[in-house]
Structures are given as C-alpha cells and as structure tokens.
C-alpha cells in the first residue's frame, strides 16, 4: 500500500544491509531505494512526502533510535 519504500539499516552489527532489504522491497515497489544511514533515509522520505502524506518508520528499536527529526 505504500507509494514509496526506502530501505535502510541501523548501525548495529547484526542489522541486515539496506541493499539486501531493498531487493525484497522491489518485488512490491520496483522504485524502492536503499540508503545506508537511517537519518539519510528519514531525510529522503520527508523530502518526497507531500504536506498531507504520512511517513512511517518501521524496524527495530535500533532503527527507531537513530531517527532524527
């Protein structure tokens, strides 16, 4: 249901790489992007979002802990 998917990875030694996640995401959204740093992914999502759009960040506490608004 998402109009855009941006895969990323937290700076944690057991995290899956963004490049691996984006390959799976592309089966749903061929235009999915991968950014290695969580703050960069959030910035990109906010850049793409319209005024009334929702930006949803999912993942582990490690991922959420790196979100900077």
N, C-alpha and C. Protein backbone atom coordinates (compact mmCIF):
# COMPACT_ATOMS: atom_id res chain seq x y z
N UNK A 1 0.80 -1.20 0.00
CA UNK A 1 0.00 0.00 0.00
C UNK A 1 0.84 1.27 0.00
N UNK A 2 2.12 1.14 0.24
CA UNK A 2 2.99 2.32 0.28
C UNK A 2 3.25 2.85 -1.12
N UNK A 3 3.29 4.17 -1.23
CA UNK A 3 3.59 4.76 -2.52
C UNK A 3 5.10 4.86 -2.75
N UNK A 4 5.88 4.68 -1.69
CA UNK A 4 7.34 4.71 -1.79
C UNK A 4 7.92 3.87 -0.66
N UNK A 5 9.01 3.15 -0.94
CA UNK A 5 9.72 2.38 0.08
C UNK A 5 11.18 2.79 0.06
N UNK A 6 11.71 3.08 1.23
CA UNK A 6 13.13 3.39 1.38
C UNK A 6 13.70 2.44 2.42
N UNK A 7 14.59 1.59 2.00
CA UNK A 7 15.23 0.63 2.90
C UNK A 7 16.48 1.26 3.50
N UNK A 8 16.72 0.94 4.76
CA UNK A 8 17.90 1.46 5.44
C UNK A 8 18.36 0.44 6.47
N UNK A 9 19.41 0.77 7.18
CA UNK A 9 19.91 -0.14 8.21
C UNK A 9 20.48 0.65 9.38
N UNK A 10 20.21 0.19 10.60
CA UNK A 10 20.81 0.86 11.76
C UNK A 10 22.28 0.48 11.89
N UNK A 11 22.99 1.24 12.65
CA UNK A 11 24.41 0.97 12.89
C UNK A 11 24.54 -0.06 14.01
N UNK A 12 24.15 -1.27 13.71
CA UNK A 12 24.19 -2.39 14.65
C UNK A 12 24.79 -3.57 13.93
N UNK A 13 25.67 -4.29 14.56
CA UNK A 13 26.45 -5.32 13.87
C UNK A 13 25.61 -6.47 13.31
N UNK A 14 24.41 -6.70 13.81
CA UNK A 14 23.58 -7.79 13.29
C UNK A 14 22.49 -7.31 12.32
N UNK A 15 22.48 -6.04 11.99
CA UNK A 15 21.45 -5.50 11.09
C UNK A 15 21.63 -6.03 9.67
N UNK A 16 20.51 -6.30 9.02
CA UNK A 16 20.57 -6.65 7.60
C UNK A 16 20.94 -5.42 6.80
N UNK A 17 21.68 -5.61 5.76
CA UNK A 17 22.13 -4.50 4.93
C UNK A 17 20.95 -3.93 4.14
N UNK A 18 20.96 -2.61 3.97
CA UNK A 18 19.91 -1.94 3.21
C UNK A 18 19.84 -2.49 1.79
N UNK A 19 20.97 -2.84 1.21
CA UNK A 19 20.99 -3.37 -0.16
C UNK A 19 20.26 -4.71 -0.25
N UNK A 20 20.28 -5.51 0.82
CA UNK A 20 19.54 -6.77 0.84
C UNK A 20 18.04 -6.50 0.99
N UNK A 21 17.69 -5.59 1.88
CA UNK A 21 16.29 -5.28 2.13
C UNK A 21 15.62 -4.69 0.90
N UNK A 22 16.33 -3.83 0.18
CA UNK A 22 15.72 -3.18 -0.98
C UNK A 22 15.41 -4.19 -2.09
N UNK A 23 16.19 -5.23 -2.20
CA UNK A 23 15.90 -6.25 -3.21
C UNK A 23 14.55 -6.90 -2.94
N UNK A 24 14.25 -7.19 -1.68
CA UNK A 24 12.95 -7.75 -1.33
C UNK A 24 11.84 -6.71 -1.55
N UNK A 25 12.10 -5.47 -1.17
CA UNK A 25 11.10 -4.41 -1.30
C UNK A 25 10.75 -4.15 -2.76
N UNK A 26 11.70 -4.35 -3.65
CA UNK A 26 11.44 -4.10 -5.08
C UNK A 26 10.45 -5.06 -5.69
N UNK A 27 10.16 -6.17 -5.02
CA UNK A 27 9.11 -7.05 -5.53
C UNK A 27 7.73 -6.40 -5.32
N UNK A 28 7.65 -5.44 -4.40
CA UNK A 28 6.41 -4.70 -4.15
C UNK A 28 6.41 -3.34 -4.84
N UNK A 29 7.54 -2.67 -4.79
CA UNK A 29 7.70 -1.33 -5.39
C UNK A 29 9.01 -1.33 -6.16
N UNK A 30 8.98 -1.47 -7.48
CA UNK A 30 10.22 -1.51 -8.26
C UNK A 30 11.11 -0.27 -8.09
N UNK A 31 10.52 0.84 -7.66
CA UNK A 31 11.29 2.07 -7.49
C UNK A 31 11.82 2.25 -6.06
N UNK A 32 11.79 1.19 -5.25
CA UNK A 32 12.30 1.27 -3.88
C UNK A 32 13.76 1.70 -3.89
N UNK A 33 14.15 2.46 -2.87
CA UNK A 33 15.52 2.97 -2.75
C UNK A 33 16.19 2.38 -1.52
N UNK A 34 17.51 2.39 -1.50
CA UNK A 34 18.28 1.96 -0.34
C UNK A 34 19.23 3.08 0.06
N UNK A 35 19.22 3.41 1.33
CA UNK A 35 20.16 4.38 1.90
C UNK A 35 20.76 3.74 3.14
N UNK A 36 22.07 3.78 3.26
CA UNK A 36 22.75 3.06 4.34
C UNK A 36 22.55 3.65 5.73
N UNK A 37 22.29 4.93 5.82
CA UNK A 37 22.14 5.57 7.13
C UNK A 37 20.68 5.93 7.41
N UNK A 38 20.21 5.60 8.61
CA UNK A 38 18.82 5.89 8.98
C UNK A 38 18.49 7.37 8.84
N UNK A 39 19.31 8.30 9.37
CA UNK A 39 18.96 9.71 9.22
C UNK A 39 18.83 10.15 7.76
N UNK A 40 19.66 9.59 6.88
CA UNK A 40 19.57 9.92 5.46
C UNK A 40 18.26 9.40 4.86
N UNK A 41 17.85 8.21 5.28
CA UNK A 41 16.60 7.64 4.79
C UNK A 41 15.40 8.47 5.25
N UNK A 42 15.43 8.92 6.50
CA UNK A 42 14.34 9.76 7.01
C UNK A 42 14.30 11.08 6.26
N UNK A 43 15.45 11.68 6.05
CA UNK A 43 15.50 12.94 5.29
C UNK A 43 14.93 12.75 3.89
N UNK A 44 15.29 11.65 3.24
CA UNK A 44 14.79 11.39 1.88
C UNK A 44 13.27 11.20 1.89
N UNK A 45 12.76 10.46 2.87
CA UNK A 45 11.32 10.24 2.96
C UNK A 45 10.59 11.56 3.17
N UNK A 46 11.11 12.41 4.02
CA UNK A 46 10.47 13.71 4.27
C UNK A 46 10.54 14.60 3.03
N UNK A 47 11.63 14.48 2.29
CA UNK A 47 11.79 15.24 1.04
C UNK A 47 10.73 14.82 0.01
N UNK A 48 10.44 13.53 -0.05
CA UNK A 48 9.48 13.00 -1.02
C UNK A 48 8.03 13.19 -0.59
N UNK A 49 7.80 13.33 0.69
CA UNK A 49 6.43 13.40 1.23
C UNK A 49 5.79 14.74 0.94
N UNK A 50 4.51 14.68 0.64
CA UNK A 50 3.73 15.89 0.50
C UNK A 50 3.27 16.38 1.86
N UNK A 51 2.65 17.54 1.87
CA UNK A 51 2.20 18.16 3.13
C UNK A 51 1.26 17.27 3.93
N UNK A 52 0.41 16.52 3.26
CA UNK A 52 -0.57 15.68 3.93
C UNK A 52 -0.21 14.19 3.90
N UNK A 53 1.02 13.86 3.55
CA UNK A 53 1.45 12.47 3.49
C UNK A 53 1.94 11.99 4.86
N UNK A 54 1.89 10.69 5.04
CA UNK A 54 2.38 10.03 6.25
C UNK A 54 3.72 9.39 5.94
N UNK A 55 4.69 9.61 6.80
CA UNK A 55 5.98 8.91 6.70
C UNK A 55 6.02 7.92 7.86
N UNK A 56 6.12 6.65 7.53
CA UNK A 56 6.11 5.58 8.53
C UNK A 56 7.50 4.96 8.60
N UNK A 57 8.07 4.92 9.79
CA UNK A 57 9.36 4.29 10.01
C UNK A 57 9.11 3.01 10.80
N UNK A 58 9.55 1.89 10.25
CA UNK A 58 9.39 0.62 10.94
C UNK A 58 10.75 -0.02 11.13
N UNK A 59 10.81 -0.96 12.02
CA UNK A 59 12.06 -1.67 12.26
C UNK A 59 12.26 -1.91 13.74
N UNK A 60 13.48 -2.14 14.09
CA UNK A 60 13.81 -2.44 15.48
C UNK A 60 13.96 -1.16 16.29
N UNK A 61 14.16 -1.32 17.59
CA UNK A 61 14.46 -0.17 18.44
C UNK A 61 15.77 0.48 18.01
N UNK A 62 16.69 -0.31 17.45
CA UNK A 62 17.95 0.25 16.96
C UNK A 62 17.67 1.24 15.83
N UNK A 63 16.78 0.86 14.94
CA UNK A 63 16.41 1.75 13.82
C UNK A 63 15.73 3.00 14.33
N UNK A 64 14.71 2.82 15.14
CA UNK A 64 13.95 3.96 15.65
C UNK A 64 14.84 4.90 16.47
N UNK A 65 15.79 4.32 17.19
CA UNK A 65 16.70 5.13 17.99
C UNK A 65 17.58 6.07 17.18
N UNK A 66 17.74 5.78 15.89
CA UNK A 66 18.58 6.62 15.03
C UNK A 66 17.78 7.66 14.24
N UNK A 67 16.46 7.65 14.40
CA UNK A 67 15.63 8.63 13.71
C UNK A 67 15.82 10.00 14.33
N UNK A 68 16.17 10.97 13.48
CA UNK A 68 16.38 12.35 13.93
C UNK A 68 15.40 13.22 13.16
N UNK A 69 14.57 13.96 13.89
CA UNK A 69 13.62 14.85 13.24
C UNK A 69 13.98 16.28 13.49
